[in-house]
Amino acid sequence: MNDVVFQPAVRQLALLSTGAISVEELAEAHIHQIERLNPKLNALVDFDPNRVRVQARQLNEMRGARGALFGLPVTVKSSIATAGYRCEIGSLLHQDEIPREDAVVVSRLRAAGALILGTTNCPEFLMAYETANLLHGRTANPWDLERTPGGSSGGESAAIAAGMSAAGLGSDSGGSVRVPAHFTGICSLKPTPGRIPARGHLPPCVGPFSVLGAIGPMARTMEDVMLLFRTLAGQDAIDPVSPPVVLREPGLDELRRNTIGFFEEDGLTPVTPETRAAVHAAANALREAGFRVQPFRPRTLEPLRKLWWKLFVQCGAMFYAPAIAGKEQQLSPIFNEFLRIAEATPQFTAAQLLNAWAELDLLRAKALEEMQAHPVLLCPVASIPAFRHGERQWTVEGRTVDYLDAVRHTQWFNTLAAPAAVVPVGRSPEGLPIGVQIVARPFEDETALGIAGIVDNAFGYRVPPLANHS
């Protein structure tokens, strides 16, 4: 029974549908895993086993048609409104806040029959690649407790990697579902903004964050990520950036019509040898599956990163300024670190902000033109695997790599508003997971998912050592 928590979500659903396991039994297996590991990992911040049991009984007593996720135990990042659960965005300024209404995506989870285990930890206001805050403390990586599971969806990734959750929801404006997936050895998708509605995310995905930000599914296999995407995607008629895009199911022949361009690094920031090896291994797996895979690196990467910095770091600090004014003593070290980074750059003038906004459209057009011959990209997720808590600088290939530069690989595709999937492929010398990133053009989410699924089938999830101990 303990092993069932490591099964893919689709396998858990199959066991439920055949009656091989009951909703209550599957819930109990996850409760046991959470009670065993959460004291070490600190991934879930609002978990009540009795509430889970009540949900399981209610689901079991349901009559009539059952949804695609019926009985599946899932978690939700504590920045996505989940009625009845603490959604505090990791901040003392939001302590004990419990939404009365679900985010659209959480409503869809419930309508599909998912069983919500609880909400998961994140850095304060989501502005870090490490999950820690004054409200709930820091979250550890199940591969090594001295290392971070990443951020800002670090609690979510740690819970899923450790078998405490079958799948779940994170959000991503600068790599926040992709870096944690890479650090913990699971799969994720940052969708095209709006394909999965973001209404109900805290803070709202508005202004530049309507382009940068998206709610994304996370799971141990790409097949599970696909299942969540299919179940949760679809237009939200009240969300102005949610498009009426019909779900597609491209077959292998259609996927193979996409020439894949791969690159090991951007020519500015080095990556570890094992990261290079993971990209090559994924490229070889795709070649063996019949794809054209060619070396190709877009010239727009660094302009995209610089624009991301303006819109995420500078605009982000400007957005938060009114909310934190006079409350600086209550802010966590990790959020103060973000503010110091932002303050190192002069604040935007109105003219600079307007120019950045115009540049966003012009630069995206240039990047999409570059991708015409290579509509799918394969590249690293980060320069390094999971780092130790508090580390902010590393030596890679004899050169110094700073904090935000080490994760620049995800930032490009937030600026582009492109779908980007992450799959575990390699291992570091310490045995830490290393993922790769598969990117498609905006609204071609199904292409990214389908090709990422082929890579996942060639490599795939492994149970972290900590989680595997009985």
Protein backbone atom coordinates (compact mmCIF):
# COMPACT_ATOMS: atom_id res chain seq x y z
CA MET A 1 0.00 0.00 0.00
CA ASN A 2 2.88 2.40 0.72
CA ASP A 3 4.22 1.99 -2.83
CA VAL A 4 0.98 3.26 -4.38
CA VAL A 5 1.91 6.85 -3.52
CA PHE A 6 4.82 6.65 -6.00
CA GLN A 7 2.64 5.35 -8.83
CA PRO A 8 1.81 7.82 -11.61
CA ALA A 9 -1.48 9.65 -11.17
CA VAL A 10 -2.94 7.83 -14.18
CA ARG A 11 -2.11 4.50 -12.50
CA GLN A 12 -3.68 5.62 -9.21
CA LEU A 13 -6.82 6.62 -11.13
CA ALA A 14 -6.88 3.24 -12.89
CA LEU A 15 -6.69 1.45 -9.52
CA LEU A 16 -9.57 3.57 -8.27
CA SER A 17 -11.71 2.95 -11.35
CA THR A 18 -11.33 -0.83 -11.15
CA GLY A 19 -11.96 -0.91 -7.41
CA ALA A 20 -8.49 -2.31 -6.73
CA ILE A 21 -8.17 0.48 -4.17
CA SER A 22 -10.81 2.70 -2.59
CA VAL A 23 -10.74 6.48 -2.37
CA GLU A 24 -10.35 6.15 1.41
CA GLU A 25 -7.44 3.72 1.10
CA LEU A 26 -5.61 5.94 -1.38
CA ALA A 27 -6.21 8.97 0.83
CA GLU A 28 -4.87 7.08 3.88
CA ALA A 29 -1.72 6.10 1.98
CA HIS A 30 -1.05 9.76 1.24
CA ILE A 31 -1.92 10.83 4.78
CA HIS A 32 0.64 8.31 6.06
CA GLN A 33 3.30 9.61 3.68
CA ILE A 34 2.61 13.25 4.64
CA GLU A 35 2.70 12.49 8.37
CA ARG A 36 5.97 10.57 7.89
CA LEU A 37 7.82 13.07 5.67
CA ASN A 38 6.31 16.52 6.04
CA PRO A 39 8.00 17.13 9.42
CA LYS A 40 11.32 16.76 7.57
CA LEU A 41 10.39 18.52 4.33
CA ASN A 42 7.91 21.21 5.44
CA ALA A 43 6.18 21.10 2.05
CA LEU A 44 2.51 21.32 3.11
CA VAL A 45 1.51 24.32 5.21
CA ASP A 46 -2.22 23.57 5.57
CA PHE A 47 -2.91 19.87 6.07
CA ASP A 48 -5.60 18.27 8.23
CA PRO A 49 -5.87 14.48 7.94
CA ASN A 50 -9.45 14.45 9.22
CA ARG A 51 -10.49 16.96 6.58
CA VAL A 52 -8.92 14.68 3.96
CA ARG A 53 -10.83 11.69 5.35
CA VAL A 54 -14.13 13.57 5.24
CA GLN A 55 -13.50 14.49 1.60
CA ALA A 56 -12.64 10.87 0.77
CA ARG A 57 -15.89 9.61 2.36
CA GLN A 58 -17.92 12.23 0.50
CA LEU A 59 -16.33 11.28 -2.80
CA ASN A 60 -16.94 7.60 -2.15
CA GLU A 61 -20.62 8.27 -1.48
CA MET A 62 -21.08 10.19 -4.73
CA ARG A 63 -23.43 8.73 -7.28
CA GLY A 64 -23.58 9.41 -10.99
CA ALA A 65 -20.85 10.41 -13.43
CA ARG A 66 -17.34 10.68 -12.03
CA GLY A 67 -14.80 13.23 -13.23
CA ALA A 68 -11.44 12.57 -14.85
CA LEU A 69 -9.56 13.07 -11.54
CA PHE A 70 -12.04 11.26 -9.30
CA GLY A 71 -10.40 10.44 -5.96
CA LEU A 72 -6.90 11.63 -6.98
CA PRO A 73 -5.05 13.19 -4.00
CA VAL A 74 -3.59 16.54 -5.08
CA THR A 75 -2.02 19.65 -3.55
CA VAL A 76 -2.20 23.33 -4.47
CA LYS A 77 0.43 26.04 -4.07
CA SER A 78 -0.60 28.50 -1.36
CA SER A 79 -0.79 31.36 -3.86
CA ILE A 80 -3.77 29.84 -5.69
CA ALA A 81 -7.06 30.56 -3.91
CA THR A 82 -8.45 27.36 -2.41
CA ALA A 83 -11.64 27.89 -0.40
CA GLY A 84 -11.26 26.77 3.19
CA TYR A 85 -7.45 26.48 3.09
CA ARG A 86 -4.75 28.93 4.14
CA CYS A 87 -3.45 30.73 1.07
CA GLU A 88 -1.04 33.22 2.60
CA ILE A 89 1.57 33.64 -0.19
CA GLY A 90 4.22 32.89 2.45
CA SER A 91 3.81 36.28 4.13
CA LEU A 92 3.14 37.43 7.66
CA LEU A 93 1.14 40.22 6.03
CA HIS A 94 -1.36 37.57 4.91
CA GLN A 95 -1.20 35.30 7.96
CA ASP A 96 -4.29 33.08 8.42
CA GLU A 97 -5.97 34.34 5.26
CA ILE A 98 -8.45 31.75 3.98
CA PRO A 99 -10.20 32.45 0.66
CA ARG A 100 -13.97 31.99 0.51
CA GLU A 101 -13.91 31.17 -3.19
CA ASP A 102 -11.77 28.88 -5.29
CA ALA A 103 -9.59 30.05 -8.11
CA VAL A 104 -11.09 28.94 -11.44
CA VAL A 105 -8.51 26.18 -11.79
CA VAL A 106 -9.26 24.86 -8.27
CA SER A 107 -12.98 24.83 -9.07
CA ARG A 108 -12.11 22.70 -12.10
CA LEU A 109 -10.01 20.38 -9.95
CA ARG A 110 -12.94 19.84 -7.60
CA ALA A 111 -15.41 19.42 -10.48
CA ALA A 112 -13.15 16.69 -11.89
CA GLY A 113 -13.35 14.86 -8.54
CA ALA A 114 -9.85 15.57 -7.20
CA LEU A 115 -9.26 15.18 -3.46
CA ILE A 116 -7.42 18.22 -2.11
CA LEU A 117 -4.83 17.25 0.50
CA GLY A 118 -3.78 20.80 1.39
CA THR A 119 -1.81 23.83 0.30
CA THR A 120 1.96 24.01 -0.10
CA ASN A 121 4.75 26.36 0.94
CA CYS A 122 6.24 29.14 -1.19
CA PRO A 123 8.68 32.04 -0.69
CA GLU A 124 7.15 35.30 0.46
CA PHE A 125 5.24 36.94 -2.40
CA LEU A 126 6.72 34.27 -4.74
CA MET A 127 9.82 36.34 -5.48
CA ALA A 128 12.60 33.76 -5.01
CA TYR A 129 14.04 30.52 -6.39
CA GLU A 130 14.26 29.16 -2.84
CA THR A 131 11.23 28.34 -0.69
CA ALA A 132 11.51 29.94 2.76
CA ASN A 133 9.56 32.52 4.73
CA LEU A 134 8.99 33.80 8.29
CA LEU A 135 5.48 32.34 8.37
CA HIS A 136 6.23 28.64 7.82
CA GLY A 137 10.01 28.35 7.56
CA ARG A 138 11.95 26.73 4.77
CA THR A 139 11.10 23.71 2.64
CA ALA A 140 13.72 21.02 2.08
CA ASN A 141 14.49 18.94 -0.99
CA PRO A 142 13.73 15.19 -0.65
CA TRP A 143 16.96 14.44 -2.51
CA ASP A 144 19.03 16.26 0.12
CA LEU A 145 17.56 18.05 3.13
CA GLU A 146 20.39 20.60 3.05
CA ARG A 147 19.23 21.76 -0.39
CA THR A 148 16.24 23.72 -1.62
CA PRO A 149 13.48 22.26 -3.81
CA GLY A 150 13.50 25.59 -5.64
CA GLY A 151 10.89 28.30 -5.83
CA SER A 152 8.46 29.64 -5.94
CA SER A 153 6.52 26.34 -6.25
CA GLY A 154 9.04 24.55 -4.02
CA GLY A 155 6.57 23.14 -1.53
CA GLU A 156 4.54 21.72 -4.40
CA SER A 157 7.52 20.06 -6.08
CA ALA A 158 8.84 18.58 -2.81
CA ALA A 159 5.42 17.12 -1.96
CA ILE A 160 5.00 15.49 -5.37
CA ALA A 161 8.59 14.21 -5.60
CA ALA A 162 8.29 12.60 -2.15
CA GLY A 163 5.01 10.83 -2.88
CA MET A 164 3.02 13.06 -0.52
CA SER A 165 0.83 14.19 -3.43
CA ALA A 166 -0.05 12.55 -6.73
CA ALA A 167 0.04 15.85 -8.64
CA GLY A 168 -0.69 19.50 -8.13
CA LEU A 169 -0.69 23.11 -9.19
CA GLY A 170 2.08 25.69 -9.11
CA SER A 171 2.54 29.02 -10.83
CA ASP A 172 5.35 30.46 -12.91
CA SER A 173 6.38 34.02 -13.82
CA GLY A 174 10.12 33.35 -13.96
CA GLY A 175 10.59 29.58 -13.78
CA SER A 176 8.55 28.85 -10.67
CA VAL A 177 7.13 25.49 -11.77
CA ARG A 178 10.12 24.58 -13.92
CA VAL A 179 13.09 25.20 -11.60
CA PRO A 180 11.42 23.26 -8.73
CA ALA A 181 10.64 20.36 -11.10
CA HIS A 182 14.28 20.35 -12.23
CA PHE A 183 15.56 20.51 -8.63
CA THR A 184 13.35 17.65 -7.39
CA GLY A 185 13.22 15.32 -10.40
CA ILE A 186 9.59 15.70 -11.47
CA CYS A 187 7.73 17.04 -14.52
CA SER A 188 5.91 20.33 -15.02
CA LEU A 189 4.48 22.67 -17.61
CA LYS A 190 4.43 26.44 -17.73
CA PRO A 191 1.55 26.81 -20.18
CA THR A 192 0.84 29.65 -22.52
CA PRO A 193 -0.72 32.28 -20.22
CA GLY A 194 -4.47 31.83 -20.08
CA ARG A 195 -4.62 28.28 -21.47
CA ILE A 196 -5.13 27.28 -17.84
CA PRO A 197 -7.05 30.22 -16.34
CA ALA A 198 -5.13 32.27 -13.78
CA ARG A 199 -8.12 34.04 -12.22
CA GLY A 200 -7.85 33.52 -8.47
CA HIS A 201 -4.07 33.54 -8.35
CA LEU A 202 -2.62 35.61 -5.51
CA PRO A 203 -1.41 38.19 -6.44
CA PRO A 204 -3.40 38.57 -9.67
CA CYS A 205 -1.67 37.88 -12.99
CA VAL A 206 -2.26 41.38 -14.37
CA GLY A 207 -0.25 43.98 -16.25
CA PRO A 208 3.09 42.51 -17.37
CA PHE A 209 2.36 39.41 -15.28
CA SER A 210 -0.51 38.52 -17.61
CA VAL A 211 2.25 37.78 -20.16
CA LEU A 212 4.93 36.47 -17.79
CA GLY A 213 2.73 34.43 -15.46
CA ALA A 214 0.75 31.21 -15.66
CA ILE A 215 -0.67 28.51 -13.40
CA GLY A 216 0.91 25.21 -14.33
CA PRO A 217 0.47 21.49 -13.57
CA MET A 218 3.17 19.48 -11.80
CA ALA A 219 3.42 15.69 -11.47
CA ARG A 220 5.88 12.81 -11.51
CA THR A 221 5.28 11.91 -15.17
CA MET A 222 4.57 13.93 -18.27
CA GLU A 223 1.52 11.76 -18.93
CA ASP A 224 0.13 13.01 -15.60
CA VAL A 225 0.97 16.62 -16.50
CA MET A 226 -0.89 16.10 -19.80
CA LEU A 227 -3.89 14.73 -17.92
CA LEU A 228 -4.03 17.79 -15.68
CA PHE A 229 -3.61 20.11 -18.65
CA ARG A 230 -6.43 18.44 -20.59
CA THR A 231 -8.70 18.50 -17.55
CA LEU A 232 -8.02 22.08 -16.45
CA ALA A 233 -7.43 23.94 -19.72
CA GLY A 234 -10.14 25.92 -21.44
CA GLN A 235 -11.26 29.49 -21.76
CA ASP A 236 -12.37 31.45 -18.72
CA ALA A 237 -14.84 33.90 -20.24
CA ILE A 238 -14.17 36.46 -17.47
CA ASP A 239 -10.38 36.40 -17.89
CA PRO A 240 -9.33 38.84 -20.64
CA VAL A 241 -6.15 36.88 -21.42
CA SER A 242 -7.79 33.43 -21.50
CA PRO A 243 -8.12 32.46 -25.18
CA PRO A 244 -10.80 30.27 -26.80
CA VAL A 245 -8.25 27.67 -27.92
CA VAL A 246 -9.55 24.16 -28.58
CA LEU A 247 -7.60 21.25 -27.09
CA ARG A 248 -5.56 19.31 -29.62
CA GLU A 249 -4.19 15.76 -29.54
CA PRO A 250 -1.28 15.77 -32.02
CA GLY A 251 -0.13 12.30 -33.02
CA LEU A 252 3.47 11.20 -33.35
CA ASP A 253 3.62 11.95 -37.08
CA GLU A 254 2.39 15.50 -36.51
CA LEU A 255 4.86 16.01 -33.67
CA ARG A 256 7.72 14.79 -35.87
CA ARG A 257 7.02 17.55 -38.37
CA ASN A 258 8.56 19.98 -35.86
CA THR A 259 12.30 20.46 -36.25
CA ILE A 260 13.81 20.69 -32.76
CA GLY A 261 16.62 23.14 -32.10
CA PHE A 262 18.81 22.37 -29.09
CA PHE A 263 21.44 24.36 -27.25
CA GLU A 264 23.50 23.58 -24.14
CA GLU A 265 23.86 27.16 -22.84
CA ASP A 266 23.35 30.73 -23.97
CA GLY A 267 26.98 31.67 -24.59
CA LEU A 268 27.06 33.96 -21.53
CA THR A 269 26.52 31.76 -18.47
CA PRO A 270 28.13 28.30 -18.24
CA VAL A 271 26.29 25.14 -17.21
CA THR A 272 27.63 22.03 -15.48
CA PRO A 273 29.00 19.19 -17.64
CA GLU A 274 26.14 16.98 -16.43
CA THR A 275 23.64 19.60 -17.62
CA ARG A 276 25.22 19.54 -21.08
CA ALA A 277 25.10 15.76 -21.03
CA ALA A 278 21.39 15.78 -20.10
CA VAL A 279 20.54 18.05 -23.05
CA HIS A 280 22.49 15.77 -25.42
CA ALA A 281 20.86 12.65 -23.96
CA ALA A 282 17.41 14.13 -24.53
CA ALA A 283 18.38 15.19 -28.07
CA ASN A 284 19.57 11.65 -28.83
CA ALA A 285 16.37 10.13 -27.44
CA LEU A 286 14.33 12.37 -29.74
CA ARG A 287 16.49 11.48 -32.74
CA GLU A 288 15.93 7.80 -31.98
CA ALA A 289 12.19 8.54 -31.90
CA GLY A 290 12.39 9.89 -35.44
CA PHE A 291 12.73 13.64 -34.87
CA ARG A 292 14.96 16.10 -36.69
CA VAL A 293 17.12 17.58 -33.92
CA GLN A 294 19.64 20.28 -34.84
CA PRO A 295 21.95 22.63 -32.96
CA PHE A 296 20.25 26.03 -32.80
CA ARG A 297 20.40 28.91 -30.36
CA PRO A 298 18.09 31.93 -30.76
CA ARG A 299 19.83 35.31 -30.87
CA THR A 300 17.03 36.89 -28.84
CA LEU A 301 17.76 35.05 -25.57
CA GLU A 302 19.68 37.82 -23.82
CA PRO A 303 17.29 40.61 -24.91
CA LEU A 304 14.42 38.44 -23.61
CA ARG A 305 16.19 38.00 -20.28
CA LYS A 306 16.91 41.70 -19.92
CA LEU A 307 13.30 42.54 -20.61
CA TRP A 308 12.16 39.88 -18.11
CA TRP A 309 14.34 41.61 -15.51
CA LYS A 310 12.64 44.93 -16.17
CA LEU A 311 9.11 43.52 -16.05
CA PHE A 312 9.51 40.93 -13.27
CA VAL A 313 12.08 42.47 -10.94
CA GLN A 314 11.49 46.20 -11.41
CA CYS A 315 7.72 46.12 -12.02
CA GLY A 316 7.31 43.45 -9.35
CA ALA A 317 8.92 45.66 -6.73
CA MET A 318 6.77 48.59 -7.86
CA PHE A 319 3.60 46.47 -7.58
CA TYR A 320 4.41 45.42 -4.02
CA ALA A 321 5.56 48.84 -2.77
CA PRO A 322 2.10 50.06 -1.57
CA ALA A 323 1.30 46.77 0.21
CA ILE A 324 4.56 46.66 2.19
CA ALA A 325 4.91 50.36 3.01
CA GLY A 326 5.40 50.76 6.78
CA LYS A 327 5.50 46.96 7.29
CA GLU A 328 9.13 46.33 6.42
CA GLN A 329 9.87 44.74 9.82
CA GLN A 330 7.47 41.89 8.99
CA LEU A 331 9.14 40.96 5.71
CA SER A 332 11.22 37.81 5.38
CA PRO A 333 14.95 37.87 4.56
CA ILE A 334 14.26 36.21 1.21
CA PHE A 335 11.82 38.94 0.16
CA ASN A 336 14.15 41.67 1.42
CA GLU A 337 16.81 40.09 -0.77
CA PHE A 338 14.50 40.52 -3.77
CA LEU A 339 13.90 44.16 -2.83
CA ARG A 340 17.66 44.81 -2.61
CA ILE A 341 18.13 43.30 -6.08
CA ALA A 342 15.33 45.51 -7.43
CA GLU A 343 16.65 48.64 -5.69
CA ALA A 344 20.05 48.20 -7.34
CA THR A 345 18.37 49.34 -10.56
CA PRO A 346 16.86 52.84 -10.73
CA GLN A 347 13.05 52.83 -10.59
CA PHE A 348 11.21 53.01 -13.89
CA THR A 349 10.07 56.33 -15.23
CA ALA A 350 6.69 56.35 -17.00
CA ALA A 351 8.48 56.66 -20.36
CA GLN A 352 10.75 53.69 -19.60
CA LEU A 353 7.80 51.55 -18.57
CA LEU A 354 5.94 52.45 -21.75
CA ASN A 355 9.00 51.63 -23.85
CA ALA A 356 9.44 48.27 -22.08
CA TRP A 357 5.81 47.43 -22.74
CA ALA A 358 6.21 48.23 -26.45
CA GLU A 359 9.50 46.32 -26.56
CA LEU A 360 7.69 43.25 -25.22
CA ASP A 361 5.60 42.90 -28.38
CA LEU A 362 8.45 43.77 -30.74
CA LEU A 363 10.88 41.36 -29.10
CA ARG A 364 8.37 38.53 -28.96
CA ALA A 365 7.73 38.96 -32.69
CA LYS A 366 11.47 38.79 -33.38
CA ALA A 367 11.86 35.64 -31.24
CA LEU A 368 8.91 33.94 -32.91
CA GLU A 369 10.38 34.76 -36.32
CA GLU A 370 13.62 33.08 -35.23
CA MET A 371 11.67 29.97 -34.19
CA GLN A 372 10.00 29.49 -37.58
CA ALA A 373 12.61 26.97 -38.71
CA HIS A 374 12.91 25.45 -35.21
CA PRO A 375 9.44 25.70 -33.65
CA VAL A 376 10.51 23.54 -30.69
CA LEU A 377 13.54 24.22 -28.50
CA LEU A 378 15.42 21.86 -26.18
CA CYS A 379 17.68 23.45 -23.56
CA PRO A 380 18.69 23.42 -19.88
CA VAL A 381 16.41 24.50 -17.04
CA ALA A 382 19.27 25.98 -15.02
CA SER A 383 23.07 26.09 -14.92
CA ILE A 384 23.16 23.95 -11.77
CA PRO A 385 21.17 21.29 -9.90
CA ALA A 386 19.49 22.04 -6.56
CA PHE A 387 21.62 24.34 -4.44
CA ARG A 388 22.12 24.40 -0.67
CA HIS A 389 19.84 26.63 1.39
CA GLY A 390 21.14 30.18 1.29
CA GLU A 391 23.72 29.68 -1.47
CA ARG A 392 23.79 32.48 -4.02
CA GLN A 393 26.98 31.95 -6.02
CA TRP A 394 28.63 28.95 -7.65
CA THR A 395 31.70 28.06 -9.67
CA VAL A 396 30.75 26.39 -12.95
CA GLU A 397 33.39 25.40 -15.50
CA GLY A 398 35.88 27.65 -13.68
CA ARG A 399 33.63 30.72 -13.78
CA THR A 400 31.52 32.41 -11.12
CA VAL A 401 27.76 32.17 -11.65
CA ASP A 402 25.45 34.39 -9.60
CA TYR A 403 21.99 33.60 -8.26
CA LEU A 404 19.62 34.97 -10.91
CA ASP A 405 22.00 34.14 -13.76
CA ALA A 406 21.98 30.46 -12.79
CA VAL A 407 18.26 30.23 -13.60
CA ARG A 408 18.10 32.59 -16.58
CA HIS A 409 17.12 29.66 -18.83
CA THR A 410 13.49 29.77 -17.69
CA GLN A 411 13.14 33.56 -17.74
CA TRP A 412 13.46 33.78 -21.54
CA PHE A 413 10.23 31.89 -22.08
CA ASN A 414 8.18 33.89 -19.58
CA THR A 415 8.95 36.97 -21.66
CA LEU A 416 8.00 35.04 -24.80
CA ALA A 417 4.76 33.75 -23.16
CA ALA A 418 5.68 30.34 -24.59
CA PRO A 419 4.71 26.93 -23.20
CA ALA A 420 7.71 25.19 -21.61
CA ALA A 421 7.78 21.69 -20.13
CA VAL A 422 10.41 20.17 -17.84
CA VAL A 423 11.38 16.49 -17.72
CA PRO A 424 13.98 14.79 -15.46
CA VAL A 425 16.81 13.31 -17.54
CA GLY A 426 20.24 13.33 -15.87
CA ARG A 427 22.02 13.23 -12.52
CA SER A 428 24.71 15.37 -10.93
CA PRO A 429 27.83 13.82 -9.35
CA GLU A 430 25.99 14.01 -6.00
CA GLY A 431 23.05 12.12 -7.49
CA LEU A 432 20.78 15.16 -7.73
CA PRO A 433 18.26 15.26 -10.59
CA ILE A 434 18.84 17.34 -13.71
CA GLY A 435 15.93 18.24 -15.97
CA VAL A 436 15.70 19.58 -19.49
CA GLN A 437 13.27 22.08 -20.94
CA ILE A 438 11.11 21.54 -24.05
CA VAL A 439 9.65 24.78 -25.40
CA ALA A 440 7.09 25.40 -28.15
CA ARG A 441 5.58 28.51 -29.69
CA PRO A 442 2.73 30.23 -27.80
CA PHE A 443 -0.54 28.23 -27.87
CA GLU A 444 1.32 25.10 -29.02
CA ASP A 445 1.21 23.65 -25.49
CA GLU A 446 0.18 20.22 -26.76
CA THR A 447 3.30 20.09 -28.93
CA ALA A 448 5.57 20.82 -25.96
CA LEU A 449 3.70 18.23 -23.87
CA GLY A 450 3.79 15.54 -26.56
CA ILE A 451 7.52 15.89 -27.24
CA ALA A 452 8.29 16.14 -23.52
CA GLY A 453 6.33 12.91 -23.05
CA ILE A 454 8.65 11.11 -25.45
CA VAL A 455 11.69 12.33 -23.50
CA ASP A 456 10.03 11.31 -20.23
CA ASN A 457 9.41 7.79 -21.53
CA ALA A 458 13.14 7.49 -22.27
CA PHE A 459 14.24 8.62 -18.79
CA GLY A 460 11.65 9.38 -16.13
CA TYR A 461 11.02 9.85 -12.42
CA ARG A 462 13.02 8.14 -9.70
CA VAL A 463 12.07 7.98 -6.04
CA PRO A 464 14.21 10.28 -3.87
CA PRO A 465 16.21 8.35 -1.23
CA LEU A 466 14.53 10.11 1.69
CA ALA A 467 11.03 9.24 0.45
CA ASN A 468 11.85 5.59 -0.18
CA HIS A 469 12.67 4.69 3.42
CA SER A 470 9.88 2.83 5.18
